[in-house]
Amino acid sequence: MSRTPAATGGERMSTEARLPRGTRRLRAAAARFTTPLLPDDYLSLISPLWSARELRGRVVEVVPEAGDAATLVIKPGWGWPFDSAPGQYIGIAVEVDGRFHWRSYSLTSPPTRHQRHVSVTVKAMPEGFLSRHLVSGVAPGTVVRLAAPRGEFVLPDPPPERILFLTAGSGITPIMAMLRTLHRRRTLSDVVLVHSAPDERETLFADEIDRLAREHPGLRVHLRHTARDGRLDLAGLDRVCADWRGRQAWVCGPNAMLDEAERVWGDAGLGDRLHVERFSADLTGGEAEGGTVTFATSGREVDADGATTLLEAGEGAGVALPFGCRMGICHSCVVPLRSGAVRDLRDGTERRIERGAPAEKIQTCVTAAAGDCVIDS
């Protein structure tokens, strides 16, 4: 499940703010007592995973999975908050050709009291430069940058009495953390999993899911191979889960499936029972005119078309913009719009600031230039 956090600017500040208070105090003390050198100058001599500026981790294992995917097992370094909830995601940055590239992926490891490692499962996408690199180009021992767990698509504690998990493709990844958590806590008492994948070879975690179903009679699994059976029509959900209306549902997969789920649950008046996780923003709700984007702090300019987000335009120009989920959810990418016009590609909403007027904050990951504009970065 790919999203995307950053280790520069606002993201570093937000990551620091989420650390435990004791950790922040230790970092502050390290900064005072190691002047004039940076704390990292000393900490890195002890361990490359110790840093006063950022969270780091070391890849300890890369486990091949079905469907051109792999699970990365990571040992986080100093300051990592081992307090995630099942269903959350983390950010990972890997250095490629001298530059760190960030993406977000769902945790597939369940949070445990004595946790020392975390894991994410990445599917290599044909157009996904970083996903392909993570699956086939990262060796054990690689030190990566991390962003702390985030996300509201979580399993509550205690869990509901009756649960429906509805997933497709790599949408199974956050649900796998939930299933593993329920397994550890012995609370897999009444759970239905409906999962779609192209075929058996592309089905992530198939063996483990089968093993969980054998061990827990309360887990009912419906696997659908779309190459043979076609796409699941949610209008016929009663055929695979007759009591879905009485269950809390967690749904994750392609945007088309999520849109359909929101419509079906909404029509049934059950929107409060539906929990949806989107791996990418739906940017088909608006069009922008494009224009010249000026990044005031760096002084760089770039001509951007109306389909290119300000975040993408900045990255293409070598501007280090803050970012997080790349879906307009986490607000890590927010920067001030000094002047000009931008348009939200999700719904077409325009924001316009006249020259000399107070700046307004915008989300660069879901907005594009609607004419010439100046942003404070």
Protein backbone atom coordinates (compact mmCIF):
# COMPACT_ATOMS: atom_id res chain seq x y z
CA MET A 1 0.00 0.00 0.00
CA SER A 2 1.95 3.00 -1.16
CA ARG A 3 1.37 6.50 0.16
CA THR A 4 4.51 8.75 0.95
CA PRO A 5 6.22 10.68 3.99
CA ALA A 6 9.20 13.06 3.94
CA ALA A 7 12.17 13.80 6.14
CA THR A 8 12.66 17.44 5.29
CA GLY A 9 11.11 20.67 6.47
CA GLY A 10 7.67 20.36 8.01
CA GLU A 11 7.72 16.57 7.98
CA ARG A 12 10.79 16.45 10.23
CA MET A 13 9.08 18.88 12.58
CA SER A 14 5.86 16.86 12.64
CA THR A 15 7.82 13.63 13.15
CA GLU A 16 9.72 15.20 16.05
CA ALA A 17 6.48 16.39 17.62
CA ARG A 18 5.06 12.86 17.56
CA LEU A 19 8.00 11.37 19.46
CA PRO A 20 7.61 10.55 23.16
CA ARG A 21 8.35 13.50 25.46
CA GLY A 22 11.28 11.71 27.08
CA THR A 23 12.89 11.09 23.70
CA ARG A 24 12.49 14.74 22.71
CA ARG A 25 14.17 15.82 25.97
CA LEU A 26 17.09 13.46 25.40
CA ARG A 27 17.54 14.84 21.89
CA ALA A 28 17.41 18.40 23.19
CA ALA A 29 20.02 17.57 25.84
CA ALA A 30 22.23 15.94 23.24
CA ALA A 31 21.99 19.06 21.12
CA ARG A 32 23.06 21.31 24.03
CA PHE A 33 25.96 19.22 25.25
CA THR A 34 27.46 18.46 21.87
CA THR A 35 27.70 22.02 20.56
CA PRO A 36 29.33 23.18 18.31
CA LEU A 37 29.08 19.84 16.48
CA LEU A 38 25.69 18.37 15.63
CA PRO A 39 24.45 15.50 17.78
CA ASP A 40 24.50 13.25 14.73
CA ASP A 41 28.27 13.79 14.45
CA TYR A 42 28.61 11.89 17.72
CA LEU A 43 25.63 9.56 17.57
CA SER A 44 26.58 8.17 14.16
CA LEU A 45 29.94 7.12 15.61
CA ILE A 46 28.02 4.84 17.99
CA SER A 47 25.38 3.56 15.58
CA PRO A 48 24.13 4.65 12.13
CA LEU A 49 20.60 4.15 13.50
CA TRP A 50 21.07 6.88 16.11
CA SER A 51 20.14 10.33 14.92
CA ALA A 52 18.96 13.53 16.59
CA ARG A 53 17.51 14.82 13.30
CA GLU A 54 15.49 11.92 11.93
CA LEU A 55 14.20 8.42 12.50
CA ARG A 56 16.21 5.65 10.92
CA GLY A 57 16.03 1.91 10.49
CA ARG A 58 18.02 -0.97 9.07
CA VAL A 59 16.58 -3.53 6.67
CA VAL A 60 17.33 -6.89 8.27
CA GLU A 61 15.48 -9.15 5.84
CA VAL A 62 13.74 -9.01 2.47
CA VAL A 63 11.23 -11.85 2.16
CA PRO A 64 9.84 -12.60 -1.33
CA GLU A 65 6.05 -12.75 -1.48
CA ALA A 66 3.53 -13.71 -4.15
CA GLY A 67 2.88 -11.51 -7.14
CA ASP A 68 6.22 -9.70 -7.44
CA ALA A 69 6.04 -8.41 -3.89
CA ALA A 70 8.36 -8.54 -0.89
CA THR A 71 8.15 -8.00 2.84
CA LEU A 72 10.82 -5.72 4.29
CA VAL A 73 11.64 -6.47 7.92
CA ILE A 74 13.14 -3.34 9.48
CA LYS A 75 14.86 -2.75 12.81
CA PRO A 76 14.05 0.86 13.78
CA GLY A 77 16.67 2.94 15.53
CA TRP A 78 16.69 5.33 18.45
CA GLY A 79 13.45 7.21 19.07
CA TRP A 80 11.09 4.93 17.18
CA PRO A 81 7.61 4.97 18.82
CA PHE A 82 6.55 1.34 19.17
CA ASP A 83 2.93 2.32 19.72
CA SER A 84 1.33 1.84 16.32
CA ALA A 85 -2.21 0.62 15.84
CA PRO A 86 -2.96 -2.24 13.41
CA GLY A 87 -3.85 -0.68 10.06
CA GLN A 88 -1.51 2.32 10.22
CA TYR A 89 1.25 3.09 7.74
CA ILE A 90 4.82 4.36 7.99
CA GLY A 91 7.09 6.32 5.68
CA ILE A 92 10.27 4.88 4.24
CA ALA A 93 13.00 6.77 2.39
CA VAL A 94 15.73 5.00 0.44
CA GLU A 95 18.75 6.67 -1.10
CA VAL A 96 18.98 6.11 -4.83
CA ASP A 97 21.62 7.91 -6.91
CA GLY A 98 22.40 10.32 -4.08
CA ARG A 99 18.81 11.34 -3.39
CA PHE A 100 16.32 10.05 -0.82
CA HIS A 101 12.97 8.93 -2.21
CA TRP A 102 9.98 8.61 0.13
CA ARG A 103 6.92 6.41 0.02
CA SER A 104 4.37 5.26 2.60
CA TYR A 105 3.43 1.63 3.14
CA SER A 106 1.05 -0.12 5.50
CA LEU A 107 2.56 -1.94 8.43
CA THR A 108 1.95 -5.65 8.08
CA SER A 109 3.51 -6.50 11.43
CA PRO A 110 1.21 -6.52 14.47
CA PRO A 111 2.14 -4.20 17.33
CA THR A 112 3.42 -6.19 20.31
CA ARG A 113 4.59 -5.27 23.76
CA HIS A 114 8.20 -6.30 23.13
CA GLN A 115 8.37 -5.30 19.47
CA ARG A 116 11.87 -4.84 18.03
CA HIS A 117 11.12 -5.01 14.32
CA VAL A 118 8.44 -3.72 11.99
CA SER A 119 7.53 -4.95 8.54
CA VAL A 120 5.90 -3.61 5.40
CA THR A 121 4.91 -5.55 2.31
CA VAL A 122 5.59 -3.81 -1.00
CA LYS A 123 4.24 -4.83 -4.39
CA ALA A 124 6.43 -3.84 -7.34
CA MET A 125 4.33 -1.76 -9.71
CA PRO A 126 5.26 -1.43 -13.41
CA GLU A 127 5.23 2.36 -13.14
CA GLY A 128 6.55 2.42 -9.58
CA PHE A 129 10.25 3.26 -9.60
CA LEU A 130 10.65 3.05 -5.82
CA SER A 131 8.41 0.04 -5.28
CA ARG A 132 10.47 -1.94 -7.81
CA HIS A 133 13.66 -0.83 -6.10
CA LEU A 134 12.38 -1.83 -2.66
CA VAL A 135 11.33 -5.26 -3.88
CA SER A 136 14.44 -6.14 -5.88
CA GLY A 137 17.13 -3.54 -5.21
CA VAL A 138 17.36 -3.17 -1.43
CA ALA A 139 19.79 -5.48 0.35
CA PRO A 140 19.69 -6.50 4.02
CA GLY A 141 21.79 -4.06 6.00
CA THR A 142 20.56 -1.00 4.10
CA VAL A 143 19.90 1.96 6.40
CA VAL A 144 16.67 3.78 5.56
CA ARG A 145 14.94 6.86 6.86
CA LEU A 146 11.59 6.39 8.55
CA ALA A 147 8.52 8.42 9.41
CA ALA A 148 6.46 7.44 12.45
CA PRO A 149 3.21 5.44 12.17
CA ARG A 150 0.18 7.39 11.05
CA GLY A 151 -3.34 6.85 9.78
CA GLU A 152 -6.92 6.56 11.00
CA PHE A 153 -7.69 3.25 9.27
CA VAL A 154 -7.14 1.27 12.44
CA LEU A 155 -8.61 -1.62 14.33
CA PRO A 156 -9.96 -0.49 17.72
CA ASP A 157 -9.09 -2.19 20.97
CA PRO A 158 -11.23 -4.03 21.90
CA PRO A 159 -12.38 -4.94 18.38
CA PRO A 160 -16.05 -5.10 17.34
CA GLU A 161 -17.85 -8.38 17.92
CA ARG A 162 -18.47 -8.88 14.18
CA ILE A 163 -16.04 -7.72 11.48
CA LEU A 164 -15.99 -7.70 7.68
CA PHE A 165 -12.70 -7.19 5.85
CA LEU A 166 -13.19 -6.44 2.15
CA THR A 167 -9.97 -6.14 0.16
CA ALA A 168 -8.46 -6.45 -3.29
CA GLY A 169 -4.85 -6.72 -4.47
CA SER A 170 -2.35 -5.07 -2.14
CA GLY A 171 -5.29 -3.71 -0.14
CA ILE A 172 -4.80 -6.81 1.99
CA THR A 173 -1.65 -5.33 3.57
CA PRO A 174 -3.17 -3.19 6.37
CA ILE A 175 -5.78 -5.90 6.97
CA MET A 176 -2.99 -8.43 7.44
CA ALA A 177 -1.71 -6.44 10.42
CA MET A 178 -5.25 -6.53 11.83
CA LEU A 179 -5.62 -10.29 11.28
CA ARG A 180 -2.25 -10.96 12.89
CA THR A 181 -3.21 -8.76 15.84
CA LEU A 182 -6.53 -10.56 16.32
CA HIS A 183 -4.68 -13.88 16.07
CA ARG A 184 -2.16 -12.89 18.74
CA ARG A 185 -4.93 -11.70 21.04
CA ARG A 186 -7.07 -14.79 20.34
CA THR A 187 -9.98 -12.59 19.28
CA LEU A 188 -10.60 -13.97 15.77
CA SER A 189 -14.08 -15.01 16.84
CA ASP A 190 -16.41 -13.69 14.12
CA VAL A 191 -14.53 -12.27 11.15
CA VAL A 192 -15.30 -12.48 7.44
CA LEU A 193 -12.52 -11.78 4.94
CA VAL A 194 -13.52 -11.25 1.30
CA HIS A 195 -10.39 -10.80 -0.80
CA SER A 196 -9.91 -10.48 -4.56
CA ALA A 197 -6.69 -11.08 -6.50
CA PRO A 198 -6.03 -11.70 -10.21
CA ASP A 199 -5.11 -15.36 -9.66
CA GLU A 200 -3.60 -17.74 -7.14
CA ARG A 201 -0.03 -16.68 -7.94
CA GLU A 202 -0.91 -13.04 -7.24
CA THR A 203 -2.64 -13.67 -3.90
CA LEU A 204 -0.59 -12.18 -1.08
CA PHE A 205 -0.38 -14.12 2.21
CA ALA A 206 -2.53 -16.97 0.80
CA ASP A 207 -0.83 -19.69 2.86
CA GLU A 208 -0.96 -17.71 6.09
CA ILE A 209 -4.60 -16.77 5.59
CA ASP A 210 -5.44 -20.42 4.96
CA ARG A 211 -3.57 -21.40 8.13
CA LEU A 212 -5.41 -18.76 10.19
CA ALA A 213 -8.75 -19.97 8.87
CA ARG A 214 -7.92 -23.56 9.88
CA GLU A 215 -6.82 -22.47 13.34
CA HIS A 216 -9.74 -20.09 13.98
CA PRO A 217 -13.22 -21.42 13.14
CA GLY A 218 -14.54 -17.90 13.59
CA LEU A 219 -12.60 -16.66 10.53
CA ARG A 220 -14.47 -17.20 7.26
CA VAL A 221 -12.45 -16.52 4.11
CA HIS A 222 -13.79 -15.92 0.59
CA LEU A 223 -10.99 -15.67 -1.99
CA ARG A 224 -11.93 -14.54 -5.48
CA HIS A 225 -9.64 -14.83 -8.51
CA THR A 226 -10.76 -12.09 -10.85
CA ALA A 227 -9.01 -13.54 -13.93
CA ARG A 228 -11.39 -16.48 -13.68
CA ASP A 229 -14.39 -15.17 -11.71
CA GLY A 230 -14.46 -11.50 -12.69
CA ARG A 231 -14.64 -8.50 -10.38
CA LEU A 232 -16.77 -8.76 -7.26
CA ASP A 233 -20.00 -6.78 -7.65
CA LEU A 234 -20.79 -5.33 -4.23
CA ALA A 235 -24.46 -5.25 -5.13
CA GLY A 236 -24.26 -9.01 -4.63
CA LEU A 237 -22.33 -8.89 -1.38
CA ASP A 238 -25.18 -10.79 0.32
CA ARG A 239 -24.07 -13.93 -1.53
CA VAL A 240 -20.69 -14.01 0.24
CA CYS A 241 -21.60 -12.27 3.51
CA ALA A 242 -25.33 -12.30 4.16
CA ASP A 243 -25.06 -10.34 7.41
CA TRP A 244 -22.69 -7.60 6.17
CA ARG A 245 -25.14 -4.91 7.29
CA GLY A 246 -24.62 -5.95 10.90
CA ARG A 247 -20.82 -5.83 10.76
CA GLN A 248 -18.21 -3.13 11.07
CA ALA A 249 -16.39 -3.13 7.73
CA TRP A 250 -12.82 -2.26 6.82
CA VAL A 251 -12.37 -1.89 3.06
CA CYS A 252 -9.12 -1.37 1.17
CA GLY A 253 -8.22 -1.73 -2.49
CA PRO A 254 -8.55 0.09 -5.82
CA ASN A 255 -10.38 3.42 -5.82
CA ALA A 256 -13.21 2.05 -7.99
CA MET A 257 -13.97 -0.60 -5.37
CA LEU A 258 -13.84 1.96 -2.57
CA ASP A 259 -16.17 4.29 -4.43
CA GLU A 260 -18.61 1.43 -4.91
CA ALA A 261 -18.39 0.46 -1.23
CA GLU A 262 -19.13 4.02 -0.14
CA ARG A 263 -22.18 4.07 -2.42
CA VAL A 264 -23.48 0.66 -1.26
CA TRP A 265 -23.03 1.39 2.44
CA GLY A 266 -24.37 4.92 1.98
CA ASP A 267 -27.51 3.68 0.19
CA ALA A 268 -28.06 1.27 3.06
CA GLY A 269 -27.74 4.10 5.58
CA LEU A 270 -24.72 2.40 7.12
CA GLY A 271 -21.94 4.85 6.30
CA ASP A 272 -20.89 4.96 9.97
CA ARG A 273 -20.06 1.23 9.81
CA LEU A 274 -17.68 1.62 6.87
CA HIS A 275 -13.94 2.32 7.25
CA VAL A 276 -12.10 3.00 3.99
CA GLU A 277 -8.38 3.26 3.23
CA ARG A 278 -7.22 4.74 -0.07
CA PHE A 279 -3.69 4.12 -1.31
CA SER A 280 -3.81 7.01 -3.74
CA ALA A 281 -5.76 10.20 -4.08
CA ASP A 282 -8.60 10.42 -6.58
CA LEU A 283 -7.50 13.45 -8.59
CA THR A 284 -10.15 13.22 -11.29
CA GLY A 285 -12.54 15.73 -9.76
CA GLY A 286 -11.01 18.89 -11.16
CA GLU A 287 -8.89 20.36 -13.92
CA ALA A 288 -6.36 23.16 -13.69
CA GLU A 289 -4.98 25.51 -16.31
CA GLY A 290 -1.31 25.15 -15.38
CA GLY A 291 1.19 27.98 -15.15
CA THR A 292 4.58 29.07 -13.88
CA VAL A 293 5.17 27.95 -10.29
CA THR A 294 7.70 29.99 -8.32
CA PHE A 295 9.19 28.45 -5.18
CA ALA A 296 9.97 31.58 -3.18
CA THR A 297 12.49 30.20 -0.70
CA SER A 298 14.70 28.50 -3.28
CA GLY A 299 13.98 31.02 -6.03
CA ARG A 300 13.34 28.26 -8.54
CA GLU A 301 10.64 28.40 -11.21
CA VAL A 302 9.02 25.67 -13.25
CA ASP A 303 6.32 25.60 -15.90
CA ALA A 304 3.73 23.05 -14.80
CA ASP A 305 0.71 21.73 -16.64
CA GLY A 306 -2.68 21.43 -15.00
CA ALA A 307 -2.35 17.69 -14.37
CA THR A 308 0.90 17.98 -12.38
CA THR A 309 0.59 18.59 -8.66
CA LEU A 310 2.65 21.33 -7.07
CA LEU A 311 4.48 18.65 -5.10
CA GLU A 312 5.44 16.80 -8.27
CA ALA A 313 6.40 20.05 -9.98
CA GLY A 314 8.66 20.97 -7.08
CA GLU A 315 10.30 17.57 -6.93
CA GLY A 316 10.93 17.73 -10.66
CA ALA A 317 12.70 21.05 -10.14
CA GLY A 318 14.79 19.70 -7.26
CA VAL A 319 12.89 21.59 -4.54
CA ALA A 320 12.71 19.70 -1.23
CA LEU A 321 9.04 20.08 -0.32
CA PRO A 322 7.54 18.47 2.79
CA PHE A 323 5.12 15.63 2.15
CA GLY A 324 3.52 12.64 3.77
CA CYS A 325 0.71 10.46 2.44
CA ARG A 326 0.47 12.04 -1.06
CA MET A 327 -3.29 11.60 -0.80
CA GLY A 328 -4.42 14.85 0.81
CA ILE A 329 -5.07 13.14 4.14
CA CYS A 330 -2.16 13.75 6.51
CA HIS A 331 -1.55 17.46 5.70
CA SER A 332 2.22 17.03 5.96
CA CYS A 333 2.63 18.72 2.57
CA VAL A 334 0.96 22.00 3.58
CA VAL A 335 2.84 25.19 2.57
CA PRO A 336 1.72 28.83 2.23
CA LEU A 337 0.43 30.10 -1.12
CA ARG A 338 1.82 33.63 -1.39
CA SER A 339 0.08 34.70 -4.56
CA GLY A 340 -1.64 33.36 -7.65
CA ALA A 341 -4.19 30.59 -8.08
CA VAL A 342 -4.20 26.85 -7.53
CA ARG A 343 -6.89 24.23 -7.99
CA ASP A 344 -7.68 21.16 -5.89
CA LEU A 345 -7.62 18.22 -8.31
CA ARG A 346 -10.00 16.21 -6.14
CA ASP A 347 -13.01 18.48 -6.44
CA GLY A 348 -11.99 21.45 -8.60
CA THR A 349 -11.98 23.99 -5.74
CA GLU A 350 -9.87 27.06 -6.60
CA ARG A 351 -7.78 29.07 -4.14
CA ARG A 352 -6.62 32.50 -5.28
CA ILE A 353 -4.38 34.95 -3.41
CA GLU A 354 -3.84 38.47 -4.70
CA ARG A 355 -0.33 39.85 -4.51
CA GLY A 356 0.22 41.51 -1.13
CA ALA A 357 -2.68 39.68 0.55
CA PRO A 358 -2.04 37.31 3.48
CA ALA A 359 -0.80 33.90 2.43
CA GLU A 360 -3.03 30.84 2.79
CA LYS A 361 -1.89 27.28 3.39
CA ILE A 362 -2.46 24.71 0.64
CA GLN A 363 -1.85 20.99 0.20
CA THR A 364 0.72 20.62 -2.55
CA CYS A 365 0.09 16.90 -3.11
CA VAL A 366 -3.47 17.44 -4.41
CA THR A 367 -3.31 20.92 -5.97
CA ALA A 368 -2.05 22.15 -9.34
CA ALA A 369 -1.32 25.58 -10.75
CA ALA A 370 -4.39 27.41 -12.08
CA GLY A 371 -2.24 30.17 -13.55
CA ASP A 372 1.04 31.60 -12.32
CA CYS A 373 1.54 31.18 -8.58
CA VAL A 374 4.13 31.63 -5.84
CA ILE A 375 4.42 29.19 -2.95
CA ASP A 376 6.55 29.63 0.14
CA SER A 377 9.08 26.86 -0.28
